[in-house]
PDB file of N, CA and C in Angstrom:
ATOM      1  N   MET A   1       6.148 -32.615 -38.494  1.00  0.00           N
ATOM      2  CA  MET A   1       7.521 -33.040 -38.279  1.00  0.00           C
ATOM      3  C   MET A   1       7.787 -33.251 -36.789  1.00  0.00           C
ATOM      4  N   TRP A   2       8.925 -32.812 -36.354  1.00  0.00           N
ATOM      5  CA  TRP A   2       9.298 -32.987 -34.953  1.00  0.00           C
ATOM      6  C   TRP A   2       8.568 -31.980 -34.082  1.00  0.00           C
ATOM      7  N   ASN A   3       8.004 -32.458 -33.032  1.00  0.00           N
ATOM      8  CA  ASN A   3       7.382 -31.587 -32.060  1.00  0.00           C
ATOM      9  C   ASN A   3       8.475 -31.181 -31.073  1.00  0.00           C
ATOM     10  N   LYS A   4       8.854 -29.909 -31.090  1.00  0.00           N
ATOM     11  CA  LYS A   4       9.979 -29.442 -30.272  1.00  0.00           C
ATOM     12  C   LYS A   4       9.727 -29.654 -28.784  1.00  0.00           C
ATOM     13  N   ARG A   5       8.484 -29.605 -28.374  1.00  0.00           N
ATOM     14  CA  ARG A   5       8.185 -29.830 -26.962  1.00  0.00           C
ATOM     15  C   ARG A   5       8.507 -31.256 -26.558  1.00  0.00           C
ATOM     16  N   ILE A   6       8.201 -32.219 -27.421  1.00  0.00           N
ATOM     17  CA  ILE A   6       8.484 -33.622 -27.112  1.00  0.00           C
ATOM     18  C   ILE A   6       9.995 -33.831 -27.029  1.00  0.00           C
ATOM     19  N   ILE A   7      10.710 -33.293 -27.997  1.00  0.00           N
ATOM     20  CA  ILE A   7      12.164 -33.455 -28.006  1.00  0.00           C
ATOM     21  C   ILE A   7      12.768 -32.804 -26.761  1.00  0.00           C
ATOM     22  N   PHE A   8      12.306 -31.594 -26.432  1.00  0.00           N
ATOM     23  CA  PHE A   8      12.803 -30.910 -25.244  1.00  0.00           C
ATOM     24  C   PHE A   8      12.511 -31.724 -23.994  1.00  0.00           C
ATOM     25  N   ALA A   9      11.291 -32.273 -23.913  1.00  0.00           N
ATOM     26  CA  ALA A   9      10.906 -33.052 -22.734  1.00  0.00           C
ATOM     27  C   ALA A   9      11.801 -34.275 -22.572  1.00  0.00           C
ATOM     28  N   PHE A  10      12.052 -34.996 -23.664  1.00  0.00           N
ATOM     29  CA  PHE A  10      12.917 -36.166 -23.574  1.00  0.00           C
ATOM     30  C   PHE A  10      14.343 -35.766 -23.196  1.00  0.00           C
ATOM     31  N   GLY A  11      14.832 -34.691 -23.787  1.00  0.00           N
ATOM     32  CA  GLY A  11      16.169 -34.217 -23.440  1.00  0.00           C
ATOM     33  C   GLY A  11      16.262 -33.812 -21.980  1.00  0.00           C
ATOM     34  N   LEU A  12      15.237 -33.130 -21.499  1.00  0.00           N
ATOM     35  CA  LEU A  12      15.209 -32.702 -20.107  1.00  0.00           C
ATOM     36  C   LEU A  12      15.155 -33.900 -19.168  1.00  0.00           C
ATOM     37  N   VAL A  13      14.321 -34.878 -19.489  1.00  0.00           N
ATOM     38  CA  VAL A  13      14.234 -36.085 -18.667  1.00  0.00           C
ATOM     39  C   VAL A  13      15.579 -36.795 -18.644  1.00  0.00           C
ATOM     40  N   ALA A  14      16.212 -36.898 -19.809  1.00  0.00           N
ATOM     41  CA  ALA A  14      17.519 -37.553 -19.871  1.00  0.00           C
ATOM     42  C   ALA A  14      18.545 -36.795 -19.032  1.00  0.00           C
ATOM     43  N   LEU A  15      18.525 -35.477 -19.137  1.00  0.00           N
ATOM     44  CA  LEU A  15      19.474 -34.663 -18.384  1.00  0.00           C
ATOM     45  C   LEU A  15      19.234 -34.776 -16.889  1.00  0.00           C
ATOM     46  N   LEU A  16      17.987 -34.640 -16.472  1.00  0.00           N
ATOM     47  CA  LEU A  16      17.687 -34.705 -15.041  1.00  0.00           C
ATOM     48  C   LEU A  16      17.933 -36.102 -14.484  1.00  0.00           C
ATOM     49  N   GLY A  17      17.555 -37.111 -15.229  1.00  0.00           N
ATOM     50  CA  GLY A  17      17.734 -38.477 -14.761  1.00  0.00           C
ATOM     51  C   GLY A  17      19.189 -38.863 -14.635  1.00  0.00           C
ATOM     52  N   SER A  18      20.016 -38.349 -15.517  1.00  0.00           N
ATOM     53  CA  SER A  18      21.418 -38.740 -15.474  1.00  0.00           C
ATOM     54  C   SER A  18      22.263 -37.813 -14.618  1.00  0.00           C
ATOM     55  N   SER A  19      21.738 -36.631 -14.281  1.00  0.00           N
ATOM     56  CA  SER A  19      22.573 -35.698 -13.539  1.00  0.00           C
ATOM     57  C   SER A  19      22.246 -35.643 -12.051  1.00  0.00           C
ATOM     58  N   ALA A  20      21.209 -36.346 -11.636  1.00  0.00           N
ATOM     59  CA  ALA A  20      20.851 -36.313 -10.222  1.00  0.00           C
ATOM     60  C   ALA A  20      21.986 -36.887  -9.390  1.00  0.00           C
ATOM     61  N   GLY A  21      22.357 -36.164  -8.360  1.00  0.00           N
ATOM     62  CA  GLY A  21      23.342 -36.689  -7.428  1.00  0.00           C
ATOM     63  C   GLY A  21      24.777 -36.296  -7.713  1.00  0.00           C
ATOM     64  N   PHE A  22      25.038 -35.504  -8.731  1.00  0.00           N
ATOM     65  CA  PHE A  22      26.398 -35.047  -8.956  1.00  0.00           C
ATOM     66  C   PHE A  22      26.359 -33.598  -9.409  1.00  0.00           C
ATOM     67  N   ALA A  23      27.435 -32.881  -9.125  1.00  0.00           N
ATOM     68  CA  ALA A  23      27.430 -31.441  -9.350  1.00  0.00           C
ATOM     69  C   ALA A  23      28.161 -31.023 -10.619  1.00  0.00           C
ATOM     70  N   GLN A  24      28.890 -31.914 -11.246  1.00  0.00           N
ATOM     71  CA  GLN A  24      29.658 -31.504 -12.413  1.00  0.00           C
ATOM     72  C   GLN A  24      28.745 -31.184 -13.584  1.00  0.00           C
ATOM     73  N   LYS A  25      29.238 -30.293 -14.445  1.00  0.00           N
ATOM     74  CA  LYS A  25      28.501 -29.962 -15.658  1.00  0.00           C
ATOM     75  C   LYS A  25      28.760 -31.049 -16.677  1.00  0.00           C
ATOM     76  N   ILE A  26      27.706 -31.502 -17.314  1.00  0.00           N
ATOM     77  CA  ILE A  26      27.877 -32.497 -18.368  1.00  0.00           C
ATOM     78  C   ILE A  26      27.824 -31.826 -19.723  1.00  0.00           C
ATOM     79  N   VAL A  27      26.810 -31.019 -19.956  1.00  0.00           N
ATOM     80  CA  VAL A  27      26.632 -30.373 -21.247  1.00  0.00           C
ATOM     81  C   VAL A  27      26.942 -28.895 -21.106  1.00  0.00           C
ATOM     82  N   PRO A  28      27.726 -28.359 -22.048  1.00  0.00           N
ATOM     83  CA  PRO A  28      27.986 -26.914 -21.982  1.00  0.00           C
ATOM     84  C   PRO A  28      26.662 -26.149 -21.999  1.00  0.00           C
ATOM     85  N   GLU A  29      26.568 -25.105 -21.193  1.00  0.00           N
ATOM     86  CA  GLU A  29      25.322 -24.339 -21.092  1.00  0.00           C
ATOM     87  C   GLU A  29      24.893 -23.789 -22.435  1.00  0.00           C
ATOM     88  N   ASN A  30      23.602 -23.910 -22.715  1.00  0.00           N
ATOM     89  CA  ASN A  30      22.977 -23.338 -23.901  1.00  0.00           C
ATOM     90  C   ASN A  30      23.608 -23.803 -25.207  1.00  0.00           C
ATOM     91  N   ASP A  31      24.148 -24.980 -25.245  1.00  0.00           N
ATOM     92  CA  ASP A  31      24.741 -25.495 -26.474  1.00  0.00           C
ATOM     93  C   ASP A  31      24.121 -26.842 -26.800  1.00  0.00           C
ATOM     94  N   SER A  32      23.270 -26.845 -27.793  1.00  0.00           N
ATOM     95  CA  SER A  32      22.625 -28.091 -28.213  1.00  0.00           C
ATOM     96  C   SER A  32      23.198 -28.578 -29.536  1.00  0.00           C
ATOM     97  N   SER A  33      24.406 -28.130 -29.842  1.00  0.00           N
ATOM     98  CA  SER A  33      25.026 -28.502 -31.118  1.00  0.00           C
ATOM     99  C   SER A  33      25.525 -29.944 -31.101  1.00  0.00           C
ATOM    100  N   THR A  34      25.740 -30.446 -32.290  1.00  0.00           N
ATOM    101  CA  THR A  34      26.319 -31.780 -32.428  1.00  0.00           C
ATOM    102  C   THR A  34      27.702 -31.820 -31.792  1.00  0.00           C
ATOM    103  N   ALA A  35      28.488 -30.761 -32.001  1.00  0.00           N
ATOM    104  CA  ALA A  35      29.841 -30.724 -31.429  1.00  0.00           C
ATOM    105  C   ALA A  35      29.804 -30.839 -29.907  1.00  0.00           C
ATOM    106  N   ALA A  36      28.855 -30.164 -29.266  1.00  0.00           N
ATOM    107  CA  ALA A  36      28.750 -30.231 -27.809  1.00  0.00           C
ATOM    108  C   ALA A  36      28.380 -31.640 -27.358  1.00  0.00           C
ATOM    109  N   LEU A  37      27.443 -32.263 -28.069  1.00  0.00           N
ATOM    110  CA  LEU A  37      27.059 -33.636 -27.715  1.00  0.00           C
ATOM    111  C   LEU A  37      28.234 -34.587 -27.908  1.00  0.00           C
ATOM    112  N   VAL A  38      28.943 -34.446 -29.010  1.00  0.00           N
ATOM    113  CA  VAL A  38      30.089 -35.320 -29.286  1.00  0.00           C
ATOM    114  C   VAL A  38      31.166 -35.129 -28.229  1.00  0.00           C
ATOM    115  N   GLU A  39      31.365 -33.892 -27.798  1.00  0.00           N
ATOM    116  CA  GLU A  39      32.360 -33.629 -26.745  1.00  0.00           C
ATOM    117  C   GLU A  39      32.021 -34.426 -25.489  1.00  0.00           C
ATOM    118  N   VAL A  40      30.770 -34.404 -25.106  1.00  0.00           N
ATOM    119  CA  VAL A  40      30.336 -35.138 -23.914  1.00  0.00           C
ATOM    120  C   VAL A  40      30.412 -36.640 -24.153  1.00  0.00           C
ATOM    121  N   CYS A  41      29.884 -37.087 -25.282  1.00  0.00           N
ATOM    122  CA  CYS A  41      29.784 -38.520 -25.552  1.00  0.00           C
ATOM    123  C   CYS A  41      31.127 -39.176 -25.804  1.00  0.00           C
ATOM    124  N   SER A  42      32.130 -38.381 -26.105  1.00  0.00           N
ATOM    125  CA  SER A  42      33.476 -38.924 -26.337  1.00  0.00           C
ATOM    126  C   SER A  42      34.164 -39.342 -25.045  1.00  0.00           C
ATOM    127  N   LYS A  43      33.597 -38.962 -23.926  1.00  0.00           N
ATOM    128  CA  LYS A  43      34.170 -39.320 -22.619  1.00  0.00           C
ATOM    129  C   LYS A  43      33.694 -40.728 -22.251  1.00  0.00           C
ATOM    130  N   LEU A  44      34.274 -41.717 -22.900  1.00  0.00           N
ATOM    131  CA  LEU A  44      33.803 -43.099 -22.762  1.00  0.00           C
ATOM    132  C   LEU A  44      34.028 -43.686 -21.376  1.00  0.00           C
ATOM    133  N   ASP A  45      34.912 -43.091 -20.580  1.00  0.00           N
ATOM    134  CA  ASP A  45      35.155 -43.585 -19.220  1.00  0.00           C
ATOM    135  C   ASP A  45      34.364 -42.822 -18.162  1.00  0.00           C
ATOM    136  N   ASP A  46      33.569 -41.846 -18.580  1.00  0.00           N
ATOM    137  CA  ASP A  46      32.784 -41.031 -17.659  1.00  0.00           C
ATOM    138  C   ASP A  46      31.352 -41.564 -17.634  1.00  0.00           C
ATOM    139  N   VAL A  47      30.994 -42.225 -16.552  1.00  0.00           N
ATOM    140  CA  VAL A  47      29.677 -42.867 -16.441  1.00  0.00           C
ATOM    141  C   VAL A  47      28.547 -41.855 -16.575  1.00  0.00           C
ATOM    142  N   ASP A  48      28.701 -40.688 -15.949  1.00  0.00           N
ATOM    143  CA  ASP A  48      27.652 -39.675 -16.022  1.00  0.00           C
ATOM    144  C   ASP A  48      27.466 -39.177 -17.455  1.00  0.00           C
ATOM    145  N   ALA A  49      28.564 -38.927 -18.132  1.00  0.00           N
ATOM    146  CA  ALA A  49      28.484 -38.471 -19.521  1.00  0.00           C
ATOM    147  C   ALA A  49      27.840 -39.546 -20.398  1.00  0.00           C
ATOM    148  N   GLN A  50      28.221 -40.786 -20.185  1.00  0.00           N
ATOM    149  CA  GLN A  50      27.646 -41.875 -20.985  1.00  0.00           C
ATOM    150  C   GLN A  50      26.148 -42.020 -20.719  1.00  0.00           C
ATOM    151  N   ASN A  51      25.747 -41.920 -19.466  1.00  0.00           N
ATOM    152  CA  ASN A  51      24.322 -42.002 -19.150  1.00  0.00           C
ATOM    153  C   ASN A  51      23.551 -40.875 -19.826  1.00  0.00           C
ATOM    154  N   PHE A  52      24.123 -39.680 -19.833  1.00  0.00           N
ATOM    155  CA  PHE A  52      23.479 -38.564 -20.519  1.00  0.00           C
ATOM    156  C   PHE A  52      23.335 -38.877 -22.005  1.00  0.00           C
ATOM    157  N   CYS A  53      24.407 -39.351 -22.620  1.00  0.00           N
ATOM    158  CA  CYS A  53      24.383 -39.642 -24.064  1.00  0.00           C
ATOM    159  C   CYS A  53      23.370 -40.723 -24.395  1.00  0.00           C
ATOM    160  N   PHE A  54      23.349 -41.782 -23.610  1.00  0.00           N
ATOM    161  CA  PHE A  54      22.386 -42.853 -23.865  1.00  0.00           C
ATOM    162  C   PHE A  54      20.958 -42.338 -23.695  1.00  0.00           C
ATOM    163  N   GLY A  55      20.723 -41.551 -22.669  1.00  0.00           N
ATOM    164  CA  GLY A  55      19.389 -40.999 -22.439  1.00  0.00           C
ATOM    165  C   GLY A  55      18.973 -40.036 -23.539  1.00  0.00           C
ATOM    166  N   PHE A  56      19.901 -39.205 -23.975  1.00  0.00           N
ATOM    167  CA  PHE A  56      19.596 -38.245 -25.034  1.00  0.00           C
ATOM    168  C   PHE A  56      19.281 -38.986 -26.329  1.00  0.00           C
ATOM    169  N   GLY A  57      20.117 -39.948 -26.682  1.00  0.00           N
ATOM    170  CA  GLY A  57      19.889 -40.722 -27.899  1.00  0.00           C
ATOM    171  C   GLY A  57      18.579 -41.490 -27.853  1.00  0.00           C
ATOM    172  N   GLU A  58      18.283 -42.088 -26.729  1.00  0.00           N
ATOM    173  CA  GLU A  58      17.025 -42.821 -26.575  1.00  0.00           C
ATOM    174  C   GLU A  58      15.837 -41.875 -26.681  1.00  0.00           C
ATOM    175  N   GLY A  59      15.974 -40.683 -26.126  1.00  0.00           N
ATOM    176  CA  GLY A  59      14.908 -39.691 -26.223  1.00  0.00           C
ATOM    177  C   GLY A  59      14.653 -39.274 -27.660  1.00  0.00           C
ATOM    178  N   VAL A  60      15.718 -39.073 -28.416  1.00  0.00           N
ATOM    179  CA  VAL A  60      15.571 -38.723 -29.832  1.00  0.00           C
ATOM    180  C   VAL A  60      14.874 -39.869 -30.572  1.00  0.00           C
ATOM    181  N   TYR A  61      15.333 -41.082 -30.327  1.00  0.00           N
ATOM    182  CA  TYR A  61      14.738 -42.238 -30.999  1.00  0.00           C
ATOM    183  C   TYR A  61      13.255 -42.392 -30.636  1.00  0.00           C
ATOM    184  N   GLN A  62      12.933 -42.335 -29.356  1.00  0.00           N
ATOM    185  CA  GLN A  62      11.548 -42.517 -28.928  1.00  0.00           C
ATOM    186  C   GLN A  62      10.655 -41.395 -29.454  1.00  0.00           C
ATOM    187  N   SER A  63      11.164 -40.179 -29.516  1.00  0.00           N
ATOM    188  CA  SER A  63      10.392 -39.071 -30.086  1.00  0.00           C
ATOM    189  C   SER A  63      10.110 -39.318 -31.561  1.00  0.00           C
ATOM    190  N   TYR A  64      11.120 -39.806 -32.272  1.00  0.00           N
ATOM    191  CA  TYR A  64      10.946 -40.097 -33.694  1.00  0.00           C
ATOM    192  C   TYR A  64       9.865 -41.163 -33.886  1.00  0.00           C
ATOM    193  N   VAL A  65       9.945 -42.231 -33.119  1.00  0.00           N
ATOM    194  CA  VAL A  65       8.963 -43.314 -33.224  1.00  0.00           C
ATOM    195  C   VAL A  65       7.569 -42.805 -32.867  1.00  0.00           C
ATOM    196  N   ALA A  66       7.470 -41.967 -31.839  1.00  0.00           N
ATOM    197  CA  ALA A  66       6.165 -41.427 -31.440  1.00  0.00           C
ATOM    198  C   ALA A  66       5.566 -40.561 -32.535  1.00  0.00           C
ATOM    199  N   ASN A  67       6.410 -39.869 -33.281  1.00  0.00           N
ATOM    200  CA  ASN A  67       5.936 -39.008 -34.362  1.00  0.00           C
ATOM    201  C   ASN A  67       5.764 -39.741 -35.685  1.00  0.00           C
ATOM    202  N   HIS A  68       6.186 -40.973 -35.741  1.00  0.00           N
ATOM    203  CA  HIS A  68       6.047 -41.814 -36.936  1.00  0.00           C
ATOM    204  C   HIS A  68       5.534 -43.187 -36.504  1.00  0.00           C
ATOM    205  N   PRO A  69       4.286 -43.243 -36.017  1.00  0.00           N
ATOM    206  CA  PRO A  69       3.768 -44.506 -35.480  1.00  0.00           C
ATOM    207  C   PRO A  69       3.645 -45.613 -36.527  1.00  0.00           C
ATOM    208  N   ASN A  70       3.504 -45.252 -37.782  1.00  0.00           N
ATOM    209  CA  ASN A  70       3.410 -46.248 -38.842  1.00  0.00           C
ATOM    210  C   ASN A  70       4.826 -46.610 -39.302  1.00  0.00           C
ATOM    211  N   PRO A  71       5.287 -47.830 -39.039  1.00  0.00           N
ATOM    212  CA  PRO A  71       6.658 -48.211 -39.410  1.00  0.00           C
ATOM    213  C   PRO A  71       6.989 -47.992 -40.888  1.00  0.00           C
ATOM    214  N   SER A  72       6.001 -48.057 -41.752  1.00  0.00           N
ATOM    215  CA  SER A  72       6.273 -47.881 -43.178  1.00  0.00           C
ATOM    216  C   SER A  72       6.617 -46.424 -43.522  1.00  0.00           C
ATOM    217  N   GLN A  73       6.378 -45.501 -42.609  1.00  0.00           N
ATOM    218  CA  GLN A  73       6.693 -44.092 -42.839  1.00  0.00           C
ATOM    219  C   GLN A  73       8.052 -43.693 -42.260  1.00  0.00           C
ATOM    220  N   ARG A  74       8.679 -44.589 -41.552  1.00  0.00           N
ATOM    221  CA  ARG A  74       9.961 -44.271 -40.908  1.00  0.00           C
ATOM    222  C   ARG A  74      11.094 -44.312 -41.924  1.00  0.00           C
ATOM    223  N   GLN A  75      12.065 -43.434 -41.705  1.00  0.00           N
ATOM    224  CA  GLN A  75      13.217 -43.358 -42.602  1.00  0.00           C
ATOM    225  C   GLN A  75      14.416 -44.152 -42.094  1.00  0.00           C
ATOM    226  N   PHE A  76      14.294 -44.705 -40.906  1.00  0.00           N
ATOM    227  CA  PHE A  76      15.320 -45.616 -40.407  1.00  0.00           C
ATOM    228  C   PHE A  76      14.652 -46.632 -39.498  1.00  0.00           C
ATOM    229  N   CYS A  77      15.287 -47.783 -39.369  1.00  0.00           N
ATOM    230  CA  CYS A  77      14.727 -48.874 -38.580  1.00  0.00           C
ATOM    231  C   CYS A  77      15.855 -49.537 -37.790  1.00  0.00           C
ATOM    232  N   LEU A  78      15.817 -49.398 -36.484  1.00  0.00           N
ATOM    233  CA  LEU A  78      16.818 -50.080 -35.665  1.00  0.00           C
ATOM    234  C   LEU A  78      16.472 -51.561 -35.626  1.00  0.00           C
ATOM    235  N   PRO A  79      17.470 -52.424 -35.754  1.00  0.00           N
ATOM    236  CA  PRO A  79      17.191 -53.859 -35.707  1.00  0.00           C
ATOM    237  C   PRO A  79      16.723 -54.290 -34.319  1.00  0.00           C
ATOM    238  N   LYS A  80      15.818 -55.247 -34.283  1.00  0.00           N
ATOM    239  CA  LYS A  80      15.261 -55.722 -33.004  1.00  0.00           C
ATOM    240  C   LYS A  80      16.348 -56.294 -32.099  1.00  0.00           C
ATOM    241  N   ASN A  81      17.223 -57.100 -32.637  1.00  0.00           N
ATOM    242  CA  ASN A  81      18.319 -57.706 -31.865  1.00  0.00           C
ATOM    243  C   ASN A  81      19.644 -57.199 -32.412  1.00  0.00           C
ATOM    244  N   GLY A  82      19.781 -55.887 -32.419  1.00  0.00           N
ATOM    245  CA  GLY A  82      20.938 -55.279 -33.054  1.00  0.00           C
ATOM    246  C   GLY A  82      22.040 -54.901 -32.099  1.00  0.00           C
ATOM    247  N   ASP A  83      22.674 -53.817 -32.436  1.00  0.00           N
ATOM    248  CA  ASP A  83      23.825 -53.327 -31.691  1.00  0.00           C
ATOM    249  C   ASP A  83      23.449 -52.899 -30.269  1.00  0.00           C
ATOM    250  N   THR A  84      24.422 -52.970 -29.384  1.00  0.00           N
ATOM    251  CA  THR A  84      24.219 -52.457 -28.029  1.00  0.00           C
ATOM    252  C   THR A  84      24.275 -50.931 -28.083  1.00  0.00           C
ATOM    253  N   ARG A  85      23.847 -50.289 -27.038  1.00  0.00           N
ATOM    254  CA  ARG A  85      23.895 -48.834 -27.029  1.00  0.00           C
ATOM    255  C   ARG A  85      25.335 -48.334 -27.058  1.00  0.00           C
ATOM    256  N   GLU A  86      26.253 -49.076 -26.478  1.00  0.00           N
ATOM    257  CA  GLU A  86      27.662 -48.701 -26.534  1.00  0.00           C
ATOM    258  C   GLU A  86      28.179 -48.767 -27.966  1.00  0.00           C
ATOM    259  N   GLU A  87      27.777 -49.812 -28.701  1.00  0.00           N
ATOM    260  CA  GLU A  87      28.193 -49.942 -30.104  1.00  0.00           C
ATOM    261  C   GLU A  87      27.579 -48.833 -30.961  1.00  0.00           C
ATOM    262  N   ILE A  88      26.319 -48.509 -30.697  1.00  0.00           N
ATOM    263  CA  ILE A  88      25.663 -47.434 -31.444  1.00  0.00           C
ATOM    264  C   ILE A  88      26.360 -46.108 -31.170  1.00  0.00           C
ATOM    265  N   LEU A  89      26.710 -45.855 -29.914  1.00  0.00           N
ATOM    266  CA  LEU A  89      27.407 -44.609 -29.580  1.00  0.00           C
ATOM    267  C   LEU A  89      28.752 -44.533 -30.288  1.00  0.00           C
ATOM    268  N   LYS A  90      29.511 -45.606 -30.268  1.00  0.00           N
ATOM    269  CA  LYS A  90      30.814 -45.603 -30.949  1.00  0.00           C
ATOM    270  C   LYS A  90      30.641 -45.397 -32.452  1.00  0.00           C
ATOM    271  N   SER A  91      29.597 -45.984 -33.022  1.00  0.00           N
ATOM    272  CA  SER A  91      29.313 -45.779 -34.451  1.00  0.00           C
ATOM    273  C   SER A  91      28.946 -44.326 -34.722  1.00  0.00           C
ATOM    274  N   PHE A  92      28.156 -43.729 -33.823  1.00  0.00           N
ATOM    275  CA  PHE A  92      27.794 -42.317 -33.977  1.00  0.00           C
ATOM    276  C   PHE A  92      29.046 -41.439 -33.927  1.00  0.00           C
ATOM    277  N   LEU A  93      29.948 -41.709 -32.995  1.00  0.00           N
ATOM    278  CA  LEU A  93      31.169 -40.915 -32.885  1.00  0.00           C
ATOM    279  C   LEU A  93      32.025 -41.055 -34.146  1.00  0.00           C
ATOM    280  N   ALA A  94      32.102 -42.263 -34.690  1.00  0.00           N
ATOM    281  CA  ALA A  94      32.850 -42.478 -35.935  1.00  0.00           C
ATOM    282  C   ALA A  94      32.167 -41.756 -37.101  1.00  0.00           C
ATOM    283  N   TRP A  95      30.836 -41.837 -37.156  1.00  0.00           N
ATOM    284  CA  TRP A  95      30.085 -41.148 -38.203  1.00  0.00           C
ATOM    285  C   TRP A  95      30.323 -39.640 -38.115  1.00  0.00           C
ATOM    286  N   ASN A  96      30.312 -39.107 -36.889  1.00  0.00           N
ATOM    287  CA  ASN A  96      30.543 -37.678 -36.702  1.00  0.00           C
ATOM    288  C   ASN A  96      31.934 -37.278 -37.159  1.00  0.00           C
ATOM    289  N   LYS A  97      32.904 -38.106 -36.855  1.00  0.00           N
ATOM    290  CA  LYS A  97      34.282 -37.814 -37.263  1.00  0.00           C
ATOM    291  C   LYS A  97      34.392 -37.741 -38.785  1.00  0.00           C
ATOM    292  N   ALA A  98      33.616 -38.575 -39.468  1.00  0.00           N
ATOM    293  CA  ALA A  98      33.610 -38.575 -40.938  1.00  0.00           C
ATOM    294  C   ALA A  98      32.710 -37.477 -41.511  1.00  0.00           C
ATOM    295  N   ASN A  99      31.876 -36.873 -40.683  1.00  0.00           N
ATOM    296  CA  ASN A  99      30.917 -35.857 -41.134  1.00  0.00           C
ATOM    297  C   ASN A  99      30.959 -34.604 -40.260  1.00  0.00           C
ATOM    298  N   PRO A 100      32.109 -33.978 -40.109  1.00  0.00           N
ATOM    299  CA  PRO A 100      32.203 -32.816 -39.217  1.00  0.00           C
ATOM    300  C   PRO A 100      31.391 -31.614 -39.709  1.00  0.00           C
ATOM    301  N   LYS A 101      30.934 -31.652 -40.943  1.00  0.00           N
ATOM    302  CA  LYS A 101      30.152 -30.526 -41.470  1.00  0.00           C
ATOM    303  C   LYS A 101      28.849 -30.322 -40.703  1.00  0.00           C
ATOM    304  N   PHE A 102      28.421 -31.323 -39.927  1.00  0.00           N
ATOM    305  CA  PHE A 102      27.184 -31.211 -39.165  1.00  0.00           C
ATOM    306  C   PHE A 102      27.404 -30.757 -37.720  1.00  0.00           C
ATOM    307  N   ASN A 103      28.631 -30.446 -37.343  1.00  0.00           N
ATOM    308  CA  ASN A 103      28.936 -30.125 -35.943  1.00  0.00           C
ATOM    309  C   ASN A 103      28.196 -28.906 -35.396  1.00  0.00           C
ATOM    310  N   LYS A 104      27.861 -27.955 -36.252  1.00  0.00           N
ATOM    311  CA  LYS A 104      27.147 -26.763 -35.776  1.00  0.00           C
ATOM    312  C   LYS A 104      25.635 -26.971 -35.763  1.00  0.00           C
ATOM    313  N   ASP A 105      25.167 -28.039 -36.373  1.00  0.00           N
ATOM    314  CA  ASP A 105      23.732 -28.333 -36.405  1.00  0.00           C
ATOM    315  C   ASP A 105      23.262 -28.829 -35.042  1.00  0.00           C
ATOM    316  N   PRO A 106      21.959 -28.713 -34.779  1.00  0.00           N
ATOM    317  CA  PRO A 106      21.435 -29.271 -33.523  1.00  0.00           C
ATOM    318  C   PRO A 106      21.735 -30.767 -33.434  1.00  0.00           C
ATOM    319  N   ALA A 107      22.086 -31.216 -32.259  1.00  0.00           N
ATOM    320  CA  ALA A 107      22.434 -32.622 -32.048  1.00  0.00           C
ATOM    321  C   ALA A 107      21.300 -33.557 -32.469  1.00  0.00           C
ATOM    322  N   VAL A 108      20.070 -33.142 -32.228  1.00  0.00           N
ATOM    323  CA  VAL A 108      18.922 -33.978 -32.592  1.00  0.00           C
ATOM    324  C   VAL A 108      18.931 -34.275 -34.094  1.00  0.00           C
ATOM    325  N   LYS A 109      19.167 -33.259 -34.900  1.00  0.00           N
ATOM    326  CA  LYS A 109      19.186 -33.451 -36.354  1.00  0.00           C
ATOM    327  C   LYS A 109      20.304 -34.411 -36.766  1.00  0.00           C
ATOM    328  N   SER A 110      21.452 -34.274 -36.125  1.00  0.00           N
ATOM    329  CA  SER A 110      22.584 -35.135 -36.482  1.00  0.00           C
ATOM    330  C   SER A 110      22.346 -36.583 -36.079  1.00  0.00           C
ATOM    331  N   ILE A 111      21.702 -36.786 -34.948  1.00  0.00           N
ATOM    332  CA  ILE A 111      21.404 -38.163 -34.536  1.00  0.00           C
ATOM    333  C   ILE A 111      20.455 -38.805 -35.539  1.00  0.00           C
ATOM    334  N   ILE A 112      19.452 -38.064 -35.992  1.00  0.00           N
ATOM    335  CA  ILE A 112      18.526 -38.592 -36.998  1.00  0.00           C
ATOM    336  C   ILE A 112      19.274 -38.890 -38.297  1.00  0.00           C
ATOM    337  N   ARG A 113      20.150 -37.984 -38.720  1.00  0.00           N
ATOM    338  CA  ARG A 113      20.957 -38.235 -39.929  1.00  0.00           C
ATOM    339  C   ARG A 113      21.777 -39.519 -39.770  1.00  0.00           C
ATOM    340  N   PHE A 114      22.392 -39.666 -38.609  1.00  0.00           N
ATOM    341  CA  PHE A 114      23.188 -40.864 -38.343  1.00  0.00           C
ATOM    342  C   PHE A 114      22.332 -42.120 -38.432  1.00  0.00           C
ATOM    343  N   PHE A 115      21.166 -42.111 -37.752  1.00  0.00           N
ATOM    344  CA  PHE A 115      20.289 -43.279 -37.792  1.00  0.00           C
ATOM    345  C   PHE A 115      19.880 -43.622 -39.223  1.00  0.00           C
ATOM    346  N   LYS A 116      19.573 -42.588 -40.034  1.00  0.00           N
ATOM    347  CA  LYS A 116      19.189 -42.827 -41.427  1.00  0.00           C
ATOM    348  C   LYS A 116      20.326 -43.476 -42.213  1.00  0.00           C
ATOM    349  N   ALA A 117      21.544 -43.007 -41.970  1.00  0.00           N
ATOM    350  CA  ALA A 117      22.700 -43.549 -42.679  1.00  0.00           C
ATOM    351  C   ALA A 117      23.069 -44.950 -42.197  1.00  0.00           C
ATOM    352  N   GLN A 118      22.991 -45.164 -40.898  1.00  0.00           N
ATOM    353  CA  GLN A 118      23.441 -46.421 -40.303  1.00  0.00           C
ATOM    354  C   GLN A 118      22.381 -47.523 -40.325  1.00  0.00           C
ATOM    355  N   TYR A 119      21.131 -47.134 -40.211  1.00  0.00           N
ATOM    356  CA  TYR A 119      20.050 -48.113 -40.083  1.00  0.00           C
ATOM    357  C   TYR A 119      18.893 -47.844 -41.049  1.00  0.00           C
ATOM    358  N   PRO A 120      19.186 -47.836 -42.353  1.00  0.00           N
ATOM    359  CA  PRO A 120      18.082 -47.611 -43.297  1.00  0.00           C
ATOM    360  C   PRO A 120      17.096 -48.782 -43.233  1.00  0.00           C
ATOM    361  N   CYS A 121      15.821 -48.469 -43.450  1.00  0.00           N
ATOM    362  CA  CYS A 121      14.803 -49.528 -43.465  1.00  0.00           C
ATOM    363  C   CYS A 121      14.971 -50.360 -44.732  1.00  0.00           C
ATOM    364  N   LYS A 122      14.717 -51.635 -44.589  1.00  0.00           N
ATOM    365  CA  LYS A 122      14.861 -52.534 -45.745  1.00  0.00           C
ATOM    366  C   LYS A 122      13.539 -52.762 -46.417  1.00  0.00           C
TER     367      LYS A 122
END
């Protein structure tokens, strides 16, 4: 399944890459819940928060693809010329609002659930 080291590495890279040069806290300490991610990602006018969200989401996606190199084994498929990352984020926030039961789950699990629901393979 998911290699926790890969997911952690992508999350860390996203956090370090997006937080360099500013002192504000983006993610609540020691909180990897969906609710914490949604809190940060809901700040649509905060460039640092958005960069973190895009990096975190991309890290989750790339980790999933790395762990499922055969496309026929994937449970979701992002379209080649599909939505922008801003549109995907807004869709994720709407999906979360409709599915608050996942707020205590790890954000990584919720992003995968969202991708499966929003982008099923055809």
